[in-house]
N, C-alpha and C. Protein backbone atom coordinates (compact mmCIF):
# COMPACT_ATOMS: atom_id res chain seq x y z
N TYR A 1 -28.94 14.22 -14.29
CA TYR A 1 -28.41 15.49 -13.83
C TYR A 1 -27.85 16.29 -14.99
N ASN A 2 -27.98 17.60 -14.92
CA ASN A 2 -27.42 18.46 -15.94
C ASN A 2 -26.01 18.85 -15.49
N THR A 3 -25.01 18.21 -16.09
CA THR A 3 -23.64 18.46 -15.63
C THR A 3 -23.16 19.86 -15.97
N THR A 4 -23.71 20.47 -17.02
CA THR A 4 -23.32 21.84 -17.36
C THR A 4 -23.74 22.79 -16.23
N GLU A 5 -24.97 22.65 -15.76
CA GLU A 5 -25.45 23.49 -14.65
C GLU A 5 -24.66 23.20 -13.38
N MET A 6 -24.38 21.91 -13.13
CA MET A 6 -23.61 21.56 -11.94
C MET A 6 -22.20 22.14 -12.01
N THR A 7 -21.58 22.08 -13.18
CA THR A 7 -20.24 22.64 -13.35
C THR A 7 -20.25 24.13 -13.08
N THR A 8 -21.22 24.84 -13.62
CA THR A 8 -21.32 26.28 -13.41
C THR A 8 -21.50 26.59 -11.93
N TYR A 9 -22.39 25.87 -11.28
CA TYR A 9 -22.65 26.09 -9.86
C TYR A 9 -21.40 25.83 -9.02
N ILE A 10 -20.72 24.73 -9.28
CA ILE A 10 -19.54 24.38 -8.50
C ILE A 10 -18.40 25.36 -8.77
N LYS A 11 -18.21 25.76 -10.02
CA LYS A 11 -17.17 26.75 -10.34
C LYS A 11 -17.43 28.06 -9.61
N GLU A 12 -18.68 28.49 -9.58
CA GLU A 12 -19.04 29.72 -8.86
C GLU A 12 -18.75 29.57 -7.37
N ALA A 13 -19.09 28.42 -6.80
CA ALA A 13 -18.83 28.18 -5.38
C ALA A 13 -17.34 28.21 -5.08
N ILE A 14 -16.53 27.67 -5.99
CA ILE A 14 -15.08 27.68 -5.81
C ILE A 14 -14.55 29.11 -5.91
N GLU A 15 -15.00 29.84 -6.93
CA GLU A 15 -14.56 31.22 -7.12
C GLU A 15 -14.94 32.11 -5.94
N GLN A 16 -16.09 31.84 -5.34
CA GLN A 16 -16.55 32.63 -4.19
C GLN A 16 -15.93 32.15 -2.88
N GLY A 17 -15.13 31.11 -2.95
CA GLY A 17 -14.45 30.61 -1.76
C GLY A 17 -15.32 29.80 -0.83
N ARG A 18 -16.46 29.34 -1.29
CA ARG A 18 -17.34 28.53 -0.45
C ARG A 18 -16.84 27.10 -0.31
N VAL A 19 -16.15 26.60 -1.35
CA VAL A 19 -15.54 25.27 -1.32
C VAL A 19 -14.23 25.33 -2.10
N THR A 20 -13.36 24.37 -1.84
CA THR A 20 -12.16 24.25 -2.67
C THR A 20 -12.46 23.29 -3.81
N GLY A 21 -11.66 23.38 -4.84
CA GLY A 21 -11.85 22.48 -5.98
C GLY A 21 -11.69 21.03 -5.59
N ILE A 22 -10.68 20.74 -4.80
CA ILE A 22 -10.44 19.35 -4.43
C ILE A 22 -11.57 18.82 -3.54
N TYR A 23 -12.11 19.67 -2.68
CA TYR A 23 -13.24 19.26 -1.84
C TYR A 23 -14.44 18.92 -2.72
N ALA A 24 -14.69 19.74 -3.74
CA ALA A 24 -15.81 19.49 -4.65
C ALA A 24 -15.61 18.17 -5.40
N LEU A 25 -14.40 17.93 -5.90
CA LEU A 25 -14.11 16.68 -6.60
C LEU A 25 -14.27 15.47 -5.69
N GLN A 26 -13.70 15.58 -4.50
CA GLN A 26 -13.75 14.47 -3.55
C GLN A 26 -15.19 14.17 -3.14
N THR A 27 -15.95 15.20 -2.87
CA THR A 27 -17.34 15.02 -2.44
C THR A 27 -18.18 14.39 -3.55
N LEU A 28 -18.00 14.87 -4.77
CA LEU A 28 -18.76 14.32 -5.89
C LEU A 28 -18.39 12.86 -6.14
N PHE A 29 -17.09 12.56 -6.15
CA PHE A 29 -16.67 11.17 -6.36
C PHE A 29 -17.23 10.27 -5.26
N SER A 30 -17.12 10.69 -4.01
CA SER A 30 -17.63 9.88 -2.88
C SER A 30 -19.14 9.68 -2.98
N ALA A 31 -19.85 10.73 -3.38
CA ALA A 31 -21.30 10.62 -3.50
C ALA A 31 -21.69 9.59 -4.56
N ILE A 32 -21.00 9.62 -5.70
CA ILE A 32 -21.28 8.66 -6.77
C ILE A 32 -20.93 7.24 -6.30
N ALA A 33 -19.76 7.10 -5.69
CA ALA A 33 -19.31 5.77 -5.25
C ALA A 33 -20.20 5.18 -4.17
N ASN A 34 -20.78 6.02 -3.34
CA ASN A 34 -21.60 5.53 -2.23
C ASN A 34 -23.09 5.46 -2.54
N SER A 35 -23.48 5.88 -3.74
CA SER A 35 -24.91 6.01 -4.02
C SER A 35 -25.55 4.83 -4.73
N GLY A 36 -24.77 4.03 -5.39
CA GLY A 36 -25.36 2.99 -6.23
C GLY A 36 -25.58 1.67 -5.55
N ASP A 37 -26.13 0.76 -6.33
CA ASP A 37 -26.39 -0.60 -5.86
C ASP A 37 -25.10 -1.37 -5.61
N TRP A 38 -23.99 -0.83 -6.05
CA TRP A 38 -22.69 -1.49 -5.89
C TRP A 38 -22.09 -1.30 -4.51
N ASN A 39 -22.61 -0.35 -3.73
CA ASN A 39 -22.06 -0.09 -2.41
C ASN A 39 -22.18 -1.34 -1.54
N GLY A 40 -21.05 -1.81 -1.04
CA GLY A 40 -21.03 -2.99 -0.19
C GLY A 40 -20.77 -4.29 -0.94
N LEU A 41 -20.70 -4.24 -2.27
CA LEU A 41 -20.41 -5.45 -3.04
C LEU A 41 -18.92 -5.72 -3.06
N ASP A 42 -18.56 -6.98 -3.16
CA ASP A 42 -17.14 -7.34 -3.25
C ASP A 42 -16.55 -6.97 -4.60
N ILE A 43 -17.35 -7.13 -5.66
CA ILE A 43 -16.90 -6.78 -7.00
C ILE A 43 -17.77 -5.64 -7.50
N ILE A 44 -17.12 -4.56 -7.88
CA ILE A 44 -17.85 -3.37 -8.34
C ILE A 44 -18.31 -3.61 -9.78
N PRO A 45 -19.63 -3.50 -10.05
CA PRO A 45 -20.14 -3.77 -11.39
C PRO A 45 -19.86 -2.62 -12.37
N ASP A 46 -20.04 -2.91 -13.65
CA ASP A 46 -19.81 -1.91 -14.70
C ASP A 46 -20.73 -0.69 -14.55
N ASP A 47 -21.86 -0.86 -13.88
CA ASP A 47 -22.78 0.26 -13.67
C ASP A 47 -22.11 1.42 -12.94
N PHE A 48 -21.20 1.11 -12.02
CA PHE A 48 -20.48 2.16 -11.30
C PHE A 48 -19.67 3.01 -12.28
N TYR A 49 -18.97 2.36 -13.19
CA TYR A 49 -18.13 3.08 -14.16
C TYR A 49 -18.99 3.88 -15.14
N LYS A 50 -20.14 3.32 -15.52
CA LYS A 50 -21.06 4.05 -16.40
C LYS A 50 -21.56 5.31 -15.71
N GLU A 51 -21.91 5.17 -14.45
CA GLU A 51 -22.38 6.33 -13.67
C GLU A 51 -21.27 7.37 -13.55
N LEU A 52 -20.09 6.93 -13.21
CA LEU A 52 -18.95 7.83 -13.05
C LEU A 52 -18.62 8.54 -14.36
N LYS A 53 -18.70 7.82 -15.46
CA LYS A 53 -18.37 8.38 -16.77
C LYS A 53 -19.27 9.57 -17.12
N GLN A 54 -20.50 9.53 -16.65
CA GLN A 54 -21.44 10.62 -16.92
C GLN A 54 -20.95 11.95 -16.34
N TYR A 55 -20.07 11.89 -15.37
CA TYR A 55 -19.61 13.10 -14.69
C TYR A 55 -18.23 13.56 -15.15
N CYS A 56 -17.68 12.93 -16.19
CA CYS A 56 -16.34 13.31 -16.65
C CYS A 56 -16.25 14.78 -17.04
N SER A 57 -17.27 15.31 -17.71
CA SER A 57 -17.21 16.73 -18.10
C SER A 57 -17.19 17.63 -16.86
N LEU A 58 -17.90 17.24 -15.83
CA LEU A 58 -17.89 18.00 -14.58
C LEU A 58 -16.53 17.92 -13.90
N PHE A 59 -15.99 16.72 -13.79
CA PHE A 59 -14.64 16.56 -13.21
C PHE A 59 -13.61 17.36 -14.00
N LYS A 60 -13.72 17.31 -15.33
CA LYS A 60 -12.77 18.01 -16.20
C LYS A 60 -12.85 19.52 -15.99
N GLY A 61 -14.04 20.03 -15.78
CA GLY A 61 -14.23 21.46 -15.56
C GLY A 61 -13.61 21.96 -14.28
N ILE A 62 -13.42 21.07 -13.32
CA ILE A 62 -12.85 21.46 -12.03
C ILE A 62 -11.37 21.13 -11.96
N ALA A 63 -10.99 19.96 -12.43
CA ALA A 63 -9.59 19.50 -12.34
C ALA A 63 -8.79 19.98 -13.55
N ARG A 64 -8.60 21.28 -13.64
CA ARG A 64 -7.98 21.86 -14.84
C ARG A 64 -6.46 21.93 -14.78
N THR A 65 -5.88 21.84 -13.60
CA THR A 65 -4.42 21.92 -13.50
C THR A 65 -3.84 20.54 -13.15
N LEU A 66 -2.56 20.36 -13.45
CA LEU A 66 -1.91 19.10 -13.10
C LEU A 66 -1.96 18.87 -11.60
N LYS A 67 -1.72 19.93 -10.84
CA LYS A 67 -1.75 19.82 -9.37
C LYS A 67 -3.12 19.32 -8.89
N MET A 68 -4.19 19.88 -9.44
CA MET A 68 -5.54 19.47 -9.04
C MET A 68 -5.81 18.03 -9.46
N GLN A 69 -5.33 17.64 -10.63
CA GLN A 69 -5.52 16.27 -11.10
C GLN A 69 -4.80 15.28 -10.20
N ILE A 70 -3.59 15.62 -9.79
CA ILE A 70 -2.83 14.74 -8.89
C ILE A 70 -3.53 14.65 -7.54
N GLU A 71 -4.00 15.77 -7.03
CA GLU A 71 -4.74 15.75 -5.76
C GLU A 71 -5.99 14.89 -5.88
N PHE A 72 -6.67 14.99 -7.01
CA PHE A 72 -7.88 14.19 -7.25
C PHE A 72 -7.54 12.70 -7.27
N MET A 73 -6.45 12.33 -7.94
CA MET A 73 -6.03 10.93 -7.95
C MET A 73 -5.72 10.44 -6.54
N ASN A 74 -5.11 11.29 -5.73
CA ASN A 74 -4.81 10.90 -4.34
C ASN A 74 -6.09 10.73 -3.53
N LYS A 75 -7.07 11.59 -3.75
CA LYS A 75 -8.34 11.45 -3.02
C LYS A 75 -9.06 10.17 -3.44
N ILE A 76 -9.00 9.85 -4.73
CA ILE A 76 -9.60 8.59 -5.19
C ILE A 76 -8.85 7.41 -4.59
N GLN A 77 -7.53 7.50 -4.57
CA GLN A 77 -6.70 6.43 -3.98
C GLN A 77 -7.08 6.23 -2.51
N GLU A 78 -7.19 7.31 -1.77
CA GLU A 78 -7.53 7.21 -0.35
C GLU A 78 -8.93 6.67 -0.15
N PHE A 79 -9.87 7.08 -1.01
CA PHE A 79 -11.23 6.54 -0.93
C PHE A 79 -11.22 5.04 -1.17
N CYS A 80 -10.52 4.61 -2.22
CA CYS A 80 -10.46 3.18 -2.54
C CYS A 80 -9.80 2.38 -1.42
N TYR A 81 -8.79 2.96 -0.80
CA TYR A 81 -8.11 2.29 0.31
C TYR A 81 -9.03 2.17 1.52
N ASP A 82 -9.76 3.24 1.81
CA ASP A 82 -10.64 3.26 2.99
C ASP A 82 -11.91 2.43 2.80
N ASN A 83 -12.28 2.18 1.56
CA ASN A 83 -13.49 1.40 1.23
C ASN A 83 -13.04 0.15 0.49
N ILE A 84 -12.78 -0.88 1.25
CA ILE A 84 -12.08 -2.08 0.77
C ILE A 84 -12.71 -2.68 -0.48
N ASN A 85 -14.02 -2.58 -0.64
CA ASN A 85 -14.64 -3.15 -1.84
C ASN A 85 -14.25 -2.38 -3.11
N PHE A 86 -13.67 -1.18 -2.97
CA PHE A 86 -13.22 -0.40 -4.12
C PHE A 86 -11.72 -0.53 -4.38
N ILE A 87 -11.03 -1.31 -3.57
CA ILE A 87 -9.56 -1.33 -3.65
C ILE A 87 -9.04 -1.76 -5.02
N LYS A 88 -9.76 -2.62 -5.70
CA LYS A 88 -9.31 -3.10 -7.01
C LYS A 88 -9.82 -2.22 -8.16
N THR A 89 -10.56 -1.17 -7.87
CA THR A 89 -11.15 -0.34 -8.92
C THR A 89 -10.26 0.83 -9.33
N TYR A 90 -9.23 1.12 -8.56
CA TYR A 90 -8.45 2.35 -8.77
C TYR A 90 -7.94 2.47 -10.20
N GLN A 91 -7.28 1.44 -10.70
CA GLN A 91 -6.70 1.51 -12.04
C GLN A 91 -7.76 1.77 -13.10
N LYS A 92 -8.88 1.09 -12.99
CA LYS A 92 -9.94 1.26 -13.98
C LYS A 92 -10.55 2.66 -13.91
N VAL A 93 -10.69 3.20 -12.71
CA VAL A 93 -11.21 4.56 -12.55
C VAL A 93 -10.25 5.58 -13.18
N ILE A 94 -8.97 5.44 -12.89
CA ILE A 94 -7.97 6.37 -13.44
C ILE A 94 -7.94 6.25 -14.97
N PHE A 95 -7.97 5.03 -15.47
CA PHE A 95 -7.99 4.80 -16.91
C PHE A 95 -9.20 5.47 -17.55
N MET A 96 -10.37 5.31 -16.93
CA MET A 96 -11.59 5.91 -17.44
C MET A 96 -11.51 7.45 -17.41
N LEU A 97 -10.97 8.01 -16.32
CA LEU A 97 -10.84 9.46 -16.23
C LEU A 97 -9.82 10.00 -17.24
N TYR A 98 -8.80 9.21 -17.52
CA TYR A 98 -7.82 9.59 -18.54
C TYR A 98 -8.49 9.62 -19.92
N HIS A 99 -9.24 8.59 -20.25
CA HIS A 99 -9.91 8.54 -21.54
C HIS A 99 -11.07 9.53 -21.62
N GLY A 100 -11.56 9.98 -20.49
CA GLY A 100 -12.59 11.01 -20.46
C GLY A 100 -12.00 12.41 -20.46
N ASN A 101 -10.70 12.50 -20.67
CA ASN A 101 -9.97 13.77 -20.72
C ASN A 101 -10.04 14.57 -19.43
N VAL A 102 -10.21 13.87 -18.32
CA VAL A 102 -10.18 14.52 -17.01
C VAL A 102 -8.74 14.59 -16.52
N LEU A 103 -8.00 13.51 -16.71
CA LEU A 103 -6.62 13.42 -16.26
C LEU A 103 -5.67 13.43 -17.45
N GLU A 104 -4.58 14.17 -17.30
CA GLU A 104 -3.56 14.20 -18.34
C GLU A 104 -2.48 13.16 -18.02
N GLU A 105 -1.83 12.70 -19.05
CA GLU A 105 -0.78 11.70 -18.88
C GLU A 105 0.31 12.20 -17.92
N ASP A 106 0.69 13.46 -18.04
CA ASP A 106 1.73 14.02 -17.16
C ASP A 106 1.33 13.94 -15.69
N ALA A 107 0.06 14.15 -15.41
CA ALA A 107 -0.41 14.06 -14.02
C ALA A 107 -0.32 12.62 -13.51
N ILE A 108 -0.68 11.67 -14.35
CA ILE A 108 -0.63 10.26 -13.96
C ILE A 108 0.80 9.83 -13.72
N VAL A 109 1.71 10.22 -14.61
CA VAL A 109 3.12 9.87 -14.45
C VAL A 109 3.68 10.50 -13.18
N GLU A 110 3.36 11.75 -12.92
CA GLU A 110 3.85 12.42 -11.70
C GLU A 110 3.29 11.75 -10.45
N TRP A 111 2.00 11.39 -10.49
CA TRP A 111 1.40 10.69 -9.36
C TRP A 111 2.17 9.39 -9.11
N TYR A 112 2.41 8.63 -10.17
CA TYR A 112 3.07 7.34 -10.05
C TYR A 112 4.49 7.48 -9.50
N LYS A 113 5.24 8.42 -10.02
CA LYS A 113 6.65 8.57 -9.65
C LYS A 113 6.84 9.23 -8.28
N ASN A 114 6.06 10.26 -7.99
CA ASN A 114 6.38 11.09 -6.83
C ASN A 114 5.23 11.48 -5.92
N ALA A 115 4.04 11.62 -6.45
CA ALA A 115 3.01 12.34 -5.71
C ALA A 115 1.87 11.48 -5.17
N HIS A 116 2.03 10.16 -5.17
CA HIS A 116 0.96 9.29 -4.69
C HIS A 116 0.85 9.37 -3.16
N SER A 117 -0.32 9.05 -2.70
CA SER A 117 -0.58 9.00 -1.26
C SER A 117 0.09 7.75 -0.68
N SER A 118 0.44 7.82 0.58
CA SER A 118 1.04 6.65 1.23
C SER A 118 -0.01 5.60 1.59
N LYS A 119 -1.29 5.97 1.58
CA LYS A 119 -2.36 5.04 1.91
C LYS A 119 -2.49 3.99 0.82
N GLY A 120 -2.10 2.79 1.10
CA GLY A 120 -2.22 1.70 0.14
C GLY A 120 -1.25 1.82 -1.02
N GLN A 121 -0.16 2.52 -0.81
CA GLN A 121 0.81 2.80 -1.86
C GLN A 121 1.21 1.55 -2.63
N THR A 122 1.56 0.49 -1.95
CA THR A 122 2.00 -0.74 -2.60
C THR A 122 0.90 -1.32 -3.48
N GLU A 123 -0.32 -1.35 -2.98
CA GLU A 123 -1.45 -1.90 -3.71
C GLU A 123 -1.72 -1.12 -4.99
N PHE A 124 -1.73 0.21 -4.89
CA PHE A 124 -2.13 1.02 -6.03
C PHE A 124 -1.03 1.16 -7.07
N LEU A 125 0.22 1.22 -6.65
CA LEU A 125 1.30 1.31 -7.63
C LEU A 125 1.43 0.02 -8.41
N ALA A 126 1.07 -1.10 -7.79
CA ALA A 126 1.13 -2.39 -8.47
C ALA A 126 0.04 -2.52 -9.54
N GLN A 127 -1.06 -1.79 -9.37
CA GLN A 127 -2.14 -1.87 -10.35
C GLN A 127 -1.69 -1.22 -11.63
């Protein structure tokens, strides 16, 4: 996929009010997580992270504010909680998005201290 073209298309859709930024992030993350050979496995293989990493520039283009980054972390948290085979992947996903310059340290700290979702709160804060 050409992430530059996808970023342009999604940004235009957001600007035109056809979708919200968080909806675009959530939909893209869910599509990647549900599309691979890892769906339904107890242990998520490295291929999932490799696939996800390819989209960091796209995620970064949409999640430009701390508020959006925190919302994105909450949507990932809720996805991981709702899809039990992903429950142990949260920390690694956040770490990868941080190193991919999608998430800023301030957003992660704020999520941890105050802004995390209540879904699986104990599990994810412990990671």
